[in-house]
């Protein structure tokens, strides 16, 4: 098996900084690749919350002052070094306080909008990758970038660095975690970030109706493109899910691959989870009831054993199906269920959730925040888990839920349909409850099926165990991704 030098770029990496599922992937996948004997190194920005002492970060003398060209200026940055926890994966942290020493990764907490200089922040991130590599004199076979925040790397490689001998054998892979987030900025961006090395007009890879589109630039220039589930890879070729880029993706579908994400089975494992009240296993499920009781107590809920506790952990965004939840709420509340919601996000969705809490006291409870500890407690303590997403590139919570014996209720899109097998309680098959069209009535029907199945404890236990038996570890995902890496190097893939 060929071993590769891989530089992995992500704007968020667990546990250093987390906004969504990208952080979980970026914190786990490099470890799995390292286990497969690749030399993989991670680069991310150093945000305010990332403390040197907490993560044992250290200065590297030759990385102390790196001069990074950006538009008509040169910015001097430093890069610190550490490791992903419990691993030998080296992690680098781009330190430039004027742009990154902020509490929030993407959004100004005051305006709830993206930082006004995000175009500069993440262009600097991309350019720093190249200048850091040259200072280190470490030549990657592949630079693996993720979403719009690092998608200028393929563009810069094909333009600014195309004649740089150091990178002549370097290839790029861009992974789409969510096509809807593209990084679209004004036309002036091209000059500000040095992307006008070629004329900024209709022929420019980033041209988007006169605006500068970071993700589009990456999709047009990456050697390979991947996304986080096979179904999502097919969906984004259509106008419904293509977010305006389906035409471009159609032209590049020969280099587009769907590789299902895995989960960190050390972090998300009820047998060893330190966040939950009592550990339990697939063979011994009795302690799950103790976690249910602990969750009810923490959230100040009263519910008898016949009431189904449904968890929902999500970014509070329209994409996640909250419009369906609002429409279906009245019918859902006619059933013996309580709904526990954890998340933060769009202000209008946050207000809608608060409205449900007020309208249905004791039946809908919510914490408008993010707490990793509470997320673990919900996965362990809920009876079922709800993911009614309009679209879902992969989704991780449905896999976490199955690992914890908490059958998910999901809309049949993207990674949800790739991972959740619709239950047939009488036959004791399946791992969750799937509804096939995006409507409130279909959501209500799926919850109703789950509630009915919950009454049959023998059938419900079988569905719980079916999910817990599934292997969603990164091993299989890393192996599949390895095949994509080989393609970028022109190697044959067998099997």
Protein backbone atom coordinates (compact mmCIF):
# COMPACT_ATOMS: atom_id res chain seq x y z
CA UNK A 1 0.00 0.00 0.00
CA UNK A 2 1.37 3.37 -1.02
CA UNK A 3 1.90 5.88 1.74
CA UNK A 4 1.19 9.54 1.07
CA UNK A 5 2.20 12.85 2.56
CA UNK A 6 -1.13 14.61 3.19
CA UNK A 7 -1.74 18.15 4.40
CA UNK A 8 -5.31 18.38 5.72
CA UNK A 9 -6.87 21.86 5.99
CA UNK A 10 -9.98 22.60 7.99
CA UNK A 11 -11.31 25.83 9.48
CA UNK A 12 -12.55 23.87 12.50
CA UNK A 13 -11.11 20.79 14.17
CA UNK A 14 -12.41 19.02 17.28
CA UNK A 15 -11.56 19.58 20.11
CA UNK A 16 -9.84 22.89 19.33
CA UNK A 17 -12.79 24.64 17.66
CA UNK A 18 -16.18 23.28 16.71
CA UNK A 19 -19.17 24.80 14.97
CA UNK A 20 -20.58 21.76 13.18
CA UNK A 21 -19.89 18.26 11.93
CA UNK A 22 -16.84 19.37 9.94
CA UNK A 23 -14.92 19.69 13.21
CA UNK A 24 -15.74 16.10 14.16
CA UNK A 25 -14.59 14.83 10.79
CA UNK A 26 -11.40 16.89 10.87
CA UNK A 27 -10.61 15.66 14.37
CA UNK A 28 -11.08 11.98 13.52
CA UNK A 29 -10.25 11.32 9.85
CA UNK A 30 -6.56 12.34 10.07
CA UNK A 31 -6.13 9.90 12.95
CA UNK A 32 -7.60 7.09 10.86
CA UNK A 33 -5.30 7.99 7.97
CA UNK A 34 -2.32 8.06 10.34
CA UNK A 35 -3.29 4.57 11.52
CA UNK A 36 -3.04 3.52 7.86
CA UNK A 37 0.57 4.74 7.90
CA UNK A 38 0.15 7.96 5.93
CA UNK A 39 2.09 11.03 7.02
CA UNK A 40 -0.89 13.31 7.58
CA UNK A 41 -0.63 16.76 9.11
CA UNK A 42 -3.42 19.21 9.93
CA UNK A 43 -3.53 22.98 9.50
CA UNK A 44 -6.19 25.21 11.05
CA UNK A 45 -6.45 28.85 12.22
CA UNK A 46 -5.62 29.61 15.83
CA UNK A 47 -8.74 31.23 17.27
CA UNK A 48 -8.98 33.02 20.58
CA UNK A 49 -10.36 29.99 22.40
CA UNK A 50 -7.35 27.82 21.47
CA UNK A 51 -4.99 28.22 24.42
CA UNK A 52 -1.34 27.20 24.11
CA UNK A 53 -1.12 25.75 27.59
CA UNK A 54 -4.35 23.77 27.37
CA UNK A 55 -3.29 22.01 24.17
CA UNK A 56 0.45 22.07 24.72
CA UNK A 57 1.14 24.17 21.62
CA UNK A 58 4.71 25.21 21.01
CA UNK A 59 6.60 27.63 18.84
CA UNK A 60 8.71 26.34 15.98
CA UNK A 61 11.59 28.71 15.30
CA UNK A 62 11.42 28.55 11.51
CA UNK A 63 7.64 28.98 11.58
CA UNK A 64 7.77 32.03 13.83
CA UNK A 65 7.71 34.60 11.01
CA UNK A 66 6.33 33.47 7.67
CA UNK A 67 5.82 36.12 5.03
CA UNK A 68 2.59 35.47 3.15
CA UNK A 69 1.71 37.48 0.01
CA UNK A 70 -1.93 38.48 -0.18
CA UNK A 71 -3.04 40.87 -2.90
CA UNK A 72 -0.84 43.95 -2.82
CA UNK A 73 0.43 43.30 0.72
CA UNK A 74 2.62 40.82 2.53
CA UNK A 75 1.38 39.60 5.90
CA UNK A 76 3.73 38.16 8.50
CA UNK A 77 2.18 35.24 10.39
CA UNK A 78 3.41 32.58 12.75
CA UNK A 79 2.48 28.92 12.94
CA UNK A 80 2.49 26.93 16.16
CA UNK A 81 2.64 23.17 16.47
CA UNK A 82 0.88 20.55 18.54
CA UNK A 83 -0.90 17.22 18.09
CA UNK A 84 -4.43 15.98 17.74
CA UNK A 85 -5.31 14.56 21.18
CA UNK A 86 -4.45 10.92 21.78
CA UNK A 87 -2.59 10.65 18.50
CA UNK A 88 0.67 11.27 16.71
CA UNK A 89 -0.99 13.49 14.11
CA UNK A 90 0.88 16.78 14.01
CA UNK A 91 -1.37 19.83 13.97
CA UNK A 92 -0.32 23.31 12.89
CA UNK A 93 -2.09 26.48 14.02
CA UNK A 94 -2.00 29.66 11.92
CA UNK A 95 -1.59 32.56 14.34
CA UNK A 96 -2.45 36.04 13.10
CA UNK A 97 -4.33 37.93 15.78
CA UNK A 98 -5.80 40.75 13.65
CA UNK A 99 -7.88 38.19 11.72
CA UNK A 100 -8.24 35.12 13.94
CA UNK A 101 -8.04 36.16 17.59
CA UNK A 102 -11.82 36.15 17.90
CA UNK A 103 -14.27 34.17 20.00
CA UNK A 104 -16.38 32.95 17.09
CA UNK A 105 -15.09 31.04 14.09
CA UNK A 106 -17.26 32.46 11.30
CA UNK A 107 -19.87 34.83 12.70
CA UNK A 108 -19.78 38.16 14.49
CA UNK A 109 -21.82 37.54 17.67
CA UNK A 110 -23.07 41.14 17.62
CA UNK A 111 -24.50 41.09 14.09
CA UNK A 112 -25.13 37.33 13.77
CA UNK A 113 -23.62 37.73 10.30
CA UNK A 114 -20.33 36.45 8.95
CA UNK A 115 -17.30 38.50 9.86
CA UNK A 116 -16.92 41.31 7.32
CA UNK A 117 -13.34 40.26 6.57
CA UNK A 118 -13.99 36.53 6.17
CA UNK A 119 -12.76 36.79 2.58
CA UNK A 120 -9.37 37.94 3.85
CA UNK A 121 -9.26 35.52 6.77
CA UNK A 122 -9.70 32.40 4.71
CA UNK A 123 -7.65 33.59 1.74
CA UNK A 124 -4.77 34.09 4.19
CA UNK A 125 -5.43 30.60 5.55
CA UNK A 126 -5.08 29.12 2.05
CA UNK A 127 -1.96 31.09 1.10
CA UNK A 128 -0.28 30.31 4.42
CA UNK A 129 -0.53 26.58 3.65
CA UNK A 130 1.82 26.98 0.67
CA UNK A 131 4.29 29.29 2.37
CA UNK A 132 4.40 27.11 5.49
CA UNK A 133 5.11 24.00 3.44
CA UNK A 134 8.04 25.65 1.72
CA UNK A 135 9.50 26.81 5.03
CA UNK A 136 9.12 23.30 6.44
CA UNK A 137 10.47 21.85 3.21
CA UNK A 138 7.81 19.15 3.47
CA UNK A 139 6.27 18.31 0.13
CA UNK A 140 2.75 16.85 0.29
CA UNK A 141 1.54 14.43 -2.32
CA UNK A 142 -1.93 15.72 -1.63
CA UNK A 143 -3.51 18.76 -0.01
CA UNK A 144 -6.98 17.80 1.26
CA UNK A 145 -9.21 20.84 1.76
CA UNK A 146 -12.71 21.16 3.15
CA UNK A 147 -15.58 23.47 2.17
CA UNK A 148 -15.28 27.05 1.02
CA UNK A 149 -13.02 28.18 3.83
CA UNK A 150 -10.02 26.35 2.37
CA UNK A 151 -11.19 25.94 -1.23
CA UNK A 152 -8.86 28.62 -2.58
CA UNK A 153 -5.99 26.15 -2.18
CA UNK A 154 -6.71 24.31 -5.48
CA UNK A 155 -7.19 27.66 -7.25
CA UNK A 156 -3.90 29.07 -5.95
CA UNK A 157 -2.08 25.86 -6.84
CA UNK A 158 -3.29 26.08 -10.45
CA UNK A 159 -2.53 29.80 -10.78
CA UNK A 160 -0.14 31.49 -8.33
CA UNK A 161 1.95 28.35 -7.70
CA UNK A 162 1.59 26.60 -11.06
CA UNK A 163 5.24 27.17 -11.97
CA UNK A 164 6.63 26.56 -8.48
CA UNK A 165 8.82 23.46 -8.70
CA UNK A 166 8.16 22.68 -5.04
CA UNK A 167 4.52 21.82 -5.80
CA UNK A 168 4.88 20.15 -9.20
CA UNK A 169 3.84 16.76 -7.81
CA UNK A 170 1.19 18.02 -5.39
CA UNK A 171 -2.47 17.29 -6.08
CA UNK A 172 -5.63 18.59 -4.41
CA UNK A 173 -8.86 17.05 -3.13
CA UNK A 174 -11.77 19.29 -2.15
CA UNK A 175 -14.40 17.74 0.11
CA UNK A 176 -17.87 19.32 0.12
CA UNK A 177 -19.49 19.04 3.52
CA UNK A 178 -22.35 21.41 2.70
CA UNK A 179 -22.73 22.86 -0.79
CA UNK A 180 -25.06 25.61 0.41
CA UNK A 181 -22.21 27.48 2.12
CA UNK A 182 -20.06 28.86 -0.67
CA UNK A 183 -18.22 31.98 0.50
CA UNK A 184 -19.56 34.57 -1.95
CA UNK A 185 -18.03 38.04 -1.79
CA UNK A 186 -17.81 41.20 -3.89
CA UNK A 187 -15.80 41.46 -7.10
CA UNK A 188 -13.15 43.56 -5.32
CA UNK A 189 -12.11 40.38 -3.50
CA UNK A 190 -10.19 39.16 -6.54
CA UNK A 191 -7.69 41.99 -6.30
CA UNK A 192 -7.55 41.96 -2.49
CA UNK A 193 -6.49 38.30 -2.30
CA UNK A 194 -4.32 38.10 -5.39
CA UNK A 195 -6.84 36.05 -7.36
CA UNK A 196 -6.68 38.53 -10.24
CA UNK A 197 -3.52 36.83 -11.47
CA UNK A 198 -5.92 35.89 -14.25
CA UNK A 199 -8.59 38.37 -15.42
CA UNK A 200 -11.65 38.43 -13.19
CA UNK A 201 -14.39 38.02 -15.79
CA UNK A 202 -16.83 35.34 -16.93
CA UNK A 203 -13.93 32.96 -17.63
CA UNK A 204 -12.55 33.16 -14.07
CA UNK A 205 -13.16 30.00 -11.98
CA UNK A 206 -14.60 32.09 -9.12
CA UNK A 207 -16.94 34.23 -11.26
CA UNK A 208 -20.48 34.10 -9.89
CA UNK A 209 -22.68 36.70 -11.59
CA UNK A 210 -20.07 39.35 -10.92
CA UNK A 211 -19.29 38.17 -7.39
CA UNK A 212 -16.32 36.12 -6.20
CA UNK A 213 -17.30 32.58 -5.14
CA UNK A 214 -14.65 30.75 -3.11
CA UNK A 215 -16.21 27.30 -3.33
CA UNK A 216 -16.77 27.60 -7.06
CA UNK A 217 -13.10 28.47 -7.53
CA UNK A 218 -12.13 25.30 -5.70
CA UNK A 219 -14.62 23.06 -7.49
CA UNK A 220 -13.39 24.28 -10.85
CA UNK A 221 -9.71 23.71 -10.12
CA UNK A 222 -9.38 20.79 -7.67
CA UNK A 223 -7.88 17.62 -9.09
CA UNK A 224 -10.55 15.60 -7.31
CA UNK A 225 -13.80 16.42 -5.53
CA UNK A 226 -15.47 14.35 -2.84
CA UNK A 227 -18.52 14.72 -0.70
CA UNK A 228 -19.58 13.02 2.47
CA UNK A 229 -22.06 10.40 1.30
CA UNK A 230 -22.80 8.56 -1.96
CA UNK A 231 -26.39 9.82 -2.13
CA UNK A 232 -25.38 13.46 -1.62
CA UNK A 233 -22.82 13.08 -4.42
CA UNK A 234 -25.73 12.23 -6.75
CA UNK A 235 -28.11 14.82 -5.29
CA UNK A 236 -25.80 17.79 -5.85
CA UNK A 237 -25.83 17.14 -9.60
CA UNK A 238 -29.48 18.22 -9.62
CA UNK A 239 -30.98 21.74 -9.47
CA UNK A 240 -32.88 20.87 -6.27
CA UNK A 241 -29.72 20.21 -4.26
CA UNK A 242 -27.02 21.81 -6.41
CA UNK A 243 -27.29 25.30 -4.87
CA UNK A 244 -26.63 26.88 -8.24
CA UNK A 245 -23.46 24.86 -8.85
CA UNK A 246 -25.04 21.73 -10.33
CA UNK A 247 -24.04 22.81 -13.84
CA UNK A 248 -20.38 23.09 -12.87
CA UNK A 249 -20.53 19.84 -10.95
CA UNK A 250 -22.05 18.08 -13.96
CA UNK A 251 -18.95 19.05 -15.95
CA UNK A 252 -16.74 17.59 -13.21
CA UNK A 253 -18.76 14.52 -12.27
CA UNK A 254 -15.98 12.24 -13.53
CA UNK A 255 -13.81 13.40 -10.60
CA UNK A 256 -16.65 13.57 -8.03
CA UNK A 257 -16.78 10.81 -5.41
CA UNK A 258 -19.16 10.14 -2.52
CA UNK A 259 -17.38 8.76 0.55
CA UNK A 260 -19.49 8.27 3.65
CA UNK A 261 -18.17 9.92 6.79
CA UNK A 262 -17.37 7.83 9.81
CA UNK A 263 -17.60 8.70 13.48
CA UNK A 264 -15.07 8.68 16.27
CA UNK A 265 -16.03 5.45 18.02
CA UNK A 266 -13.75 6.24 20.95
CA UNK A 267 -15.43 9.59 21.57
CA UNK A 268 -18.97 8.35 20.86
CA UNK A 269 -19.25 5.01 22.64
CA UNK A 270 -21.76 4.37 25.46
CA UNK A 271 -19.50 1.69 26.88
CA UNK A 272 -16.77 4.19 27.83
CA UNK A 273 -18.43 7.63 27.53
CA UNK A 274 -17.37 9.75 30.52
CA UNK A 275 -20.13 12.32 29.99
CA UNK A 276 -23.09 10.02 30.66
CA UNK A 277 -24.64 8.89 33.93
CA UNK A 278 -23.97 5.17 33.47
CA UNK A 279 -22.18 3.22 30.77
CA UNK A 280 -23.91 0.43 28.92
CA UNK A 281 -23.32 -2.05 26.09
CA UNK A 282 -25.27 -3.79 23.35
CA UNK A 283 -25.41 -6.90 25.53
CA UNK A 284 -26.43 -5.04 28.69
CA UNK A 285 -28.87 -2.23 27.96
CA UNK A 286 -30.41 -1.81 31.41
CA UNK A 287 -28.29 1.25 32.22
CA UNK A 288 -29.76 3.19 29.32
CA UNK A 289 -32.78 3.76 31.57
CA UNK A 290 -30.51 5.45 34.11
CA UNK A 291 -29.31 7.84 31.42
CA UNK A 292 -32.90 8.57 30.47
CA UNK A 293 -33.71 9.41 34.08
CA UNK A 294 -30.61 11.61 34.38
CA UNK A 295 -31.53 13.53 31.22
CA UNK A 296 -35.10 14.11 32.42
CA UNK A 297 -33.81 15.38 35.74
CA UNK A 298 -31.24 17.70 34.15
CA UNK A 299 -33.79 19.18 31.74
CA UNK A 300 -36.49 19.32 34.47
CA UNK A 301 -38.91 17.07 32.60
CA UNK A 302 -41.53 14.74 34.01
CA UNK A 303 -42.26 11.75 31.77
CA UNK A 304 -43.48 8.25 32.55
CA UNK A 305 -42.01 5.12 31.01
CA UNK A 306 -44.60 5.09 28.22
CA UNK A 307 -43.68 8.58 27.04
CA UNK A 308 -41.06 8.61 24.30
CA UNK A 309 -38.20 11.07 24.85
CA UNK A 310 -37.02 12.35 21.47
CA UNK A 311 -33.70 14.16 21.19
CA UNK A 312 -32.79 16.75 18.57
CA UNK A 313 -29.24 18.15 18.46
CA UNK A 314 -28.68 20.46 15.53
CA UNK A 315 -27.55 23.72 14.13
CA UNK A 316 -30.77 25.73 14.32
CA UNK A 317 -31.12 26.37 10.59
CA UNK A 318 -33.91 26.02 8.05
CA UNK A 319 -31.93 23.28 6.31
CA UNK A 320 -32.37 21.07 9.37
CA UNK A 321 -36.14 20.79 8.96
CA UNK A 322 -37.33 23.19 11.62
CA UNK A 323 -40.04 24.50 9.29
CA UNK A 324 -41.48 20.96 9.22
CA UNK A 325 -41.20 20.70 12.98
CA UNK A 326 -43.11 23.96 13.43
CA UNK A 327 -45.83 22.85 11.03
CA UNK A 328 -46.10 19.39 12.59
CA UNK A 329 -45.84 20.46 16.23
CA UNK A 330 -49.54 20.44 17.06
CA UNK A 331 -50.06 16.89 15.77
CA UNK A 332 -46.81 15.70 17.33
CA UNK A 333 -47.93 17.00 20.72
CA UNK A 334 -51.02 14.81 20.51
CA UNK A 335 -48.70 11.82 20.92
CA UNK A 336 -47.04 10.64 24.16
CA UNK A 337 -43.69 12.30 23.46
CA UNK A 338 -41.40 14.98 24.85
CA UNK A 339 -38.90 16.75 22.65
CA UNK A 340 -35.44 17.79 23.92
CA UNK A 341 -33.67 20.29 21.63
CA UNK A 342 -30.05 21.43 21.80
CA UNK A 343 -28.46 23.89 19.40
CA UNK A 344 -27.88 27.41 18.25
CA UNK A 345 -28.05 29.13 14.89
CA UNK A 346 -30.36 31.36 12.86
CA UNK A 347 -32.08 33.93 15.05
CA UNK A 348 -35.50 33.28 13.45
CA UNK A 349 -35.20 29.53 14.08
CA UNK A 350 -34.03 30.14 17.63
CA UNK A 351 -37.13 32.29 18.22
CA UNK A 352 -39.35 29.62 16.69
CA UNK A 353 -37.92 26.99 19.04
CA UNK A 354 -38.42 29.29 22.03
CA UNK A 355 -42.01 29.73 20.88
CA UNK A 356 -42.56 25.96 20.90
CA UNK A 357 -41.13 25.76 24.42
CA UNK A 358 -43.58 28.44 25.60
CA UNK A 359 -46.53 26.88 23.81
CA UNK A 360 -45.86 23.34 25.01
CA UNK A 361 -44.29 23.65 28.48
CA UNK A 362 -42.84 20.42 29.76
CA UNK A 363 -43.38 18.79 26.36
CA UNK A 364 -40.80 20.76 24.38
CA UNK A 365 -37.64 21.79 26.21
CA UNK A 366 -34.62 23.45 24.65
CA UNK A 367 -31.17 24.74 25.42
CA UNK A 368 -30.24 27.42 22.88
CA UNK A 369 -26.54 26.83 23.12
CA UNK A 370 -24.04 24.14 22.32
CA UNK A 371 -22.74 21.80 24.96
CA UNK A 372 -20.74 18.75 23.96
CA UNK A 373 -21.40 17.18 27.35
CA UNK A 374 -25.17 17.65 27.04
CA UNK A 375 -25.05 16.30 23.48
CA UNK A 376 -23.62 13.04 24.82
CA UNK A 377 -26.28 12.94 27.54
CA UNK A 378 -29.07 13.42 25.00
CA UNK A 379 -27.74 10.67 22.74
CA UNK A 380 -27.59 8.28 25.71
CA UNK A 381 -30.76 9.41 27.48
CA UNK A 382 -33.24 9.89 24.64
CA UNK A 383 -35.39 7.02 23.43
CA UNK A 384 -35.29 8.21 19.80
CA UNK A 385 -33.57 10.95 17.82
CA UNK A 386 -35.12 13.31 15.27
CA UNK A 387 -33.42 14.54 12.06
CA UNK A 388 -36.06 15.92 9.65
CA UNK A 389 -33.48 17.70 7.45
CA UNK A 390 -34.50 19.12 4.08
CA UNK A 391 -31.06 18.04 2.91
CA UNK A 392 -28.24 16.39 4.83
CA UNK A 393 -24.89 15.83 3.09
CA UNK A 394 -23.95 13.13 5.57
CA UNK A 395 -25.08 13.79 9.11
CA UNK A 396 -23.29 12.38 12.11
CA UNK A 397 -25.94 12.44 14.81
CA UNK A 398 -27.93 9.63 13.24
CA UNK A 399 -24.78 7.48 13.47
CA UNK A 400 -24.08 8.61 17.04
CA UNK A 401 -27.70 7.77 17.87
CA UNK A 402 -27.50 4.25 16.50
CA UNK A 403 -24.24 3.69 18.39
CA UNK A 404 -26.10 4.66 21.59
CA UNK A 405 -29.16 2.50 20.90
CA UNK A 406 -31.29 5.55 20.15
CA UNK A 407 -33.16 4.84 16.90
CA UNK A 408 -33.20 7.88 14.58
CA UNK A 409 -36.26 9.30 12.80
CA UNK A 410 -34.99 10.80 9.53
CA UNK A 411 -35.92 12.23 6.16
CA UNK A 412 -34.65 10.05 3.29
CA UNK A 413 -31.95 12.36 1.92
CA UNK A 414 -28.17 12.36 1.62
CA UNK A 415 -26.26 10.46 4.24
CA UNK A 416 -29.42 9.80 6.24
CA UNK A 417 -30.76 7.39 3.64
CA UNK A 418 -27.28 5.88 3.24
CA UNK A 419 -27.02 5.02 6.94
CA UNK A 420 -30.51 4.42 8.38
CA UNK A 421 -32.46 1.30 7.45
CA UNK A 422 -36.21 1.76 7.78
CA UNK A 423 -37.50 -0.37 10.64
CA UNK A 424 -40.09 -3.11 10.33
CA UNK A 425 -40.93 -3.67 13.98
CA UNK A 426 -42.94 -6.86 13.48
CA UNK A 427 -39.96 -8.44 11.75
CA UNK A 428 -37.55 -6.79 14.20
CA UNK A 429 -35.47 -5.42 11.34
CA UNK A 430 -34.08 -1.98 10.57
CA UNK A 431 -32.31 0.68 12.59
CA UNK A 432 -34.65 3.71 12.50
CA UNK A 433 -37.71 5.34 10.98
CA UNK A 434 -37.45 6.94 7.55
CA UNK A 435 -39.95 9.24 5.82
CA UNK A 436 -39.59 9.61 2.08
CA UNK A 437 -40.88 13.09 1.23
CA UNK A 438 -40.36 16.45 2.86
CA UNK A 439 -43.74 17.16 4.38
CA UNK A 440 -45.14 17.68 7.87
CA UNK A 441 -47.60 14.84 7.40
CA UNK A 442 -44.82 12.40 6.51
CA UNK A 443 -42.85 13.55 9.56
CA UNK A 444 -45.88 12.98 11.79
CA UNK A 445 -46.40 9.51 10.28
CA UNK A 446 -42.77 8.56 10.96
CA UNK A 447 -42.95 9.68 14.58
CA UNK A 448 -46.25 7.83 14.94
CA UNK A 449 -44.61 4.64 13.65
CA UNK A 450 -41.80 5.09 16.15
CA UNK A 451 -44.23 5.66 19.02
CA UNK A 452 -46.15 2.52 18.12
CA UNK A 453 -42.95 0.49 17.90
CA UNK A 454 -41.83 1.89 21.27
CA UNK A 455 -44.83 0.22 22.91
CA UNK A 456 -43.46 -3.20 21.92
CA UNK A 457 -40.37 -3.36 24.11
CA UNK A 458 -39.09 -6.55 22.53
CA UNK A 459 -39.29 -5.13 19.00
CA UNK A 460 -37.87 -1.79 20.15
CA UNK A 461 -34.90 -3.46 21.84
CA UNK A 462 -34.22 -5.38 18.62
CA UNK A 463 -34.18 -2.12 16.62
CA UNK A 464 -31.86 -0.56 19.21
CA UNK A 465 -29.44 -3.47 18.93
CA UNK A 466 -29.58 -3.47 15.13
CA UNK A 467 -28.28 0.08 15.16
CA UNK A 468 -25.63 -0.60 17.78
CA UNK A 469 -24.25 -3.42 15.64
CA UNK A 470 -23.52 -1.11 12.71
CA UNK A 471 -19.87 -0.23 12.15
CA UNK A 472 -19.57 3.50 11.45
CA UNK A 473 -15.92 3.74 12.45
CA UNK A 474 -13.53 5.74 10.31
CA UNK A 475 -11.69 2.58 9.23
CA UNK A 476 -13.96 1.82 6.27
CA UNK A 477 -14.28 5.49 5.37
CA UNK A 478 -10.52 6.03 5.47
CA UNK A 479 -10.01 3.02 3.23
CA UNK A 480 -12.53 4.35 0.69
CA UNK A 481 -10.96 7.80 0.81
CA UNK A 482 -7.56 6.24 0.32
CA UNK A 483 -8.80 4.92 -3.02
CA UNK A 484 -9.73 8.48 -4.01
CA UNK A 485 -6.24 9.65 -3.02
CA UNK A 486 -4.78 6.99 -5.30
CA UNK A 487 -6.81 8.30 -8.18
CA UNK A 488 -5.31 11.76 -7.67
CA UNK A 489 -1.86 10.20 -8.02
CA UNK A 490 -2.87 8.32 -11.16
CA UNK A 491 -2.71 4.96 -9.39
CA UNK A 492 -5.02 2.11 -10.28
CA UNK A 493 -7.67 1.23 -7.72
CA UNK A 494 -8.65 -2.39 -7.39
CA UNK A 495 -11.51 -4.02 -5.53
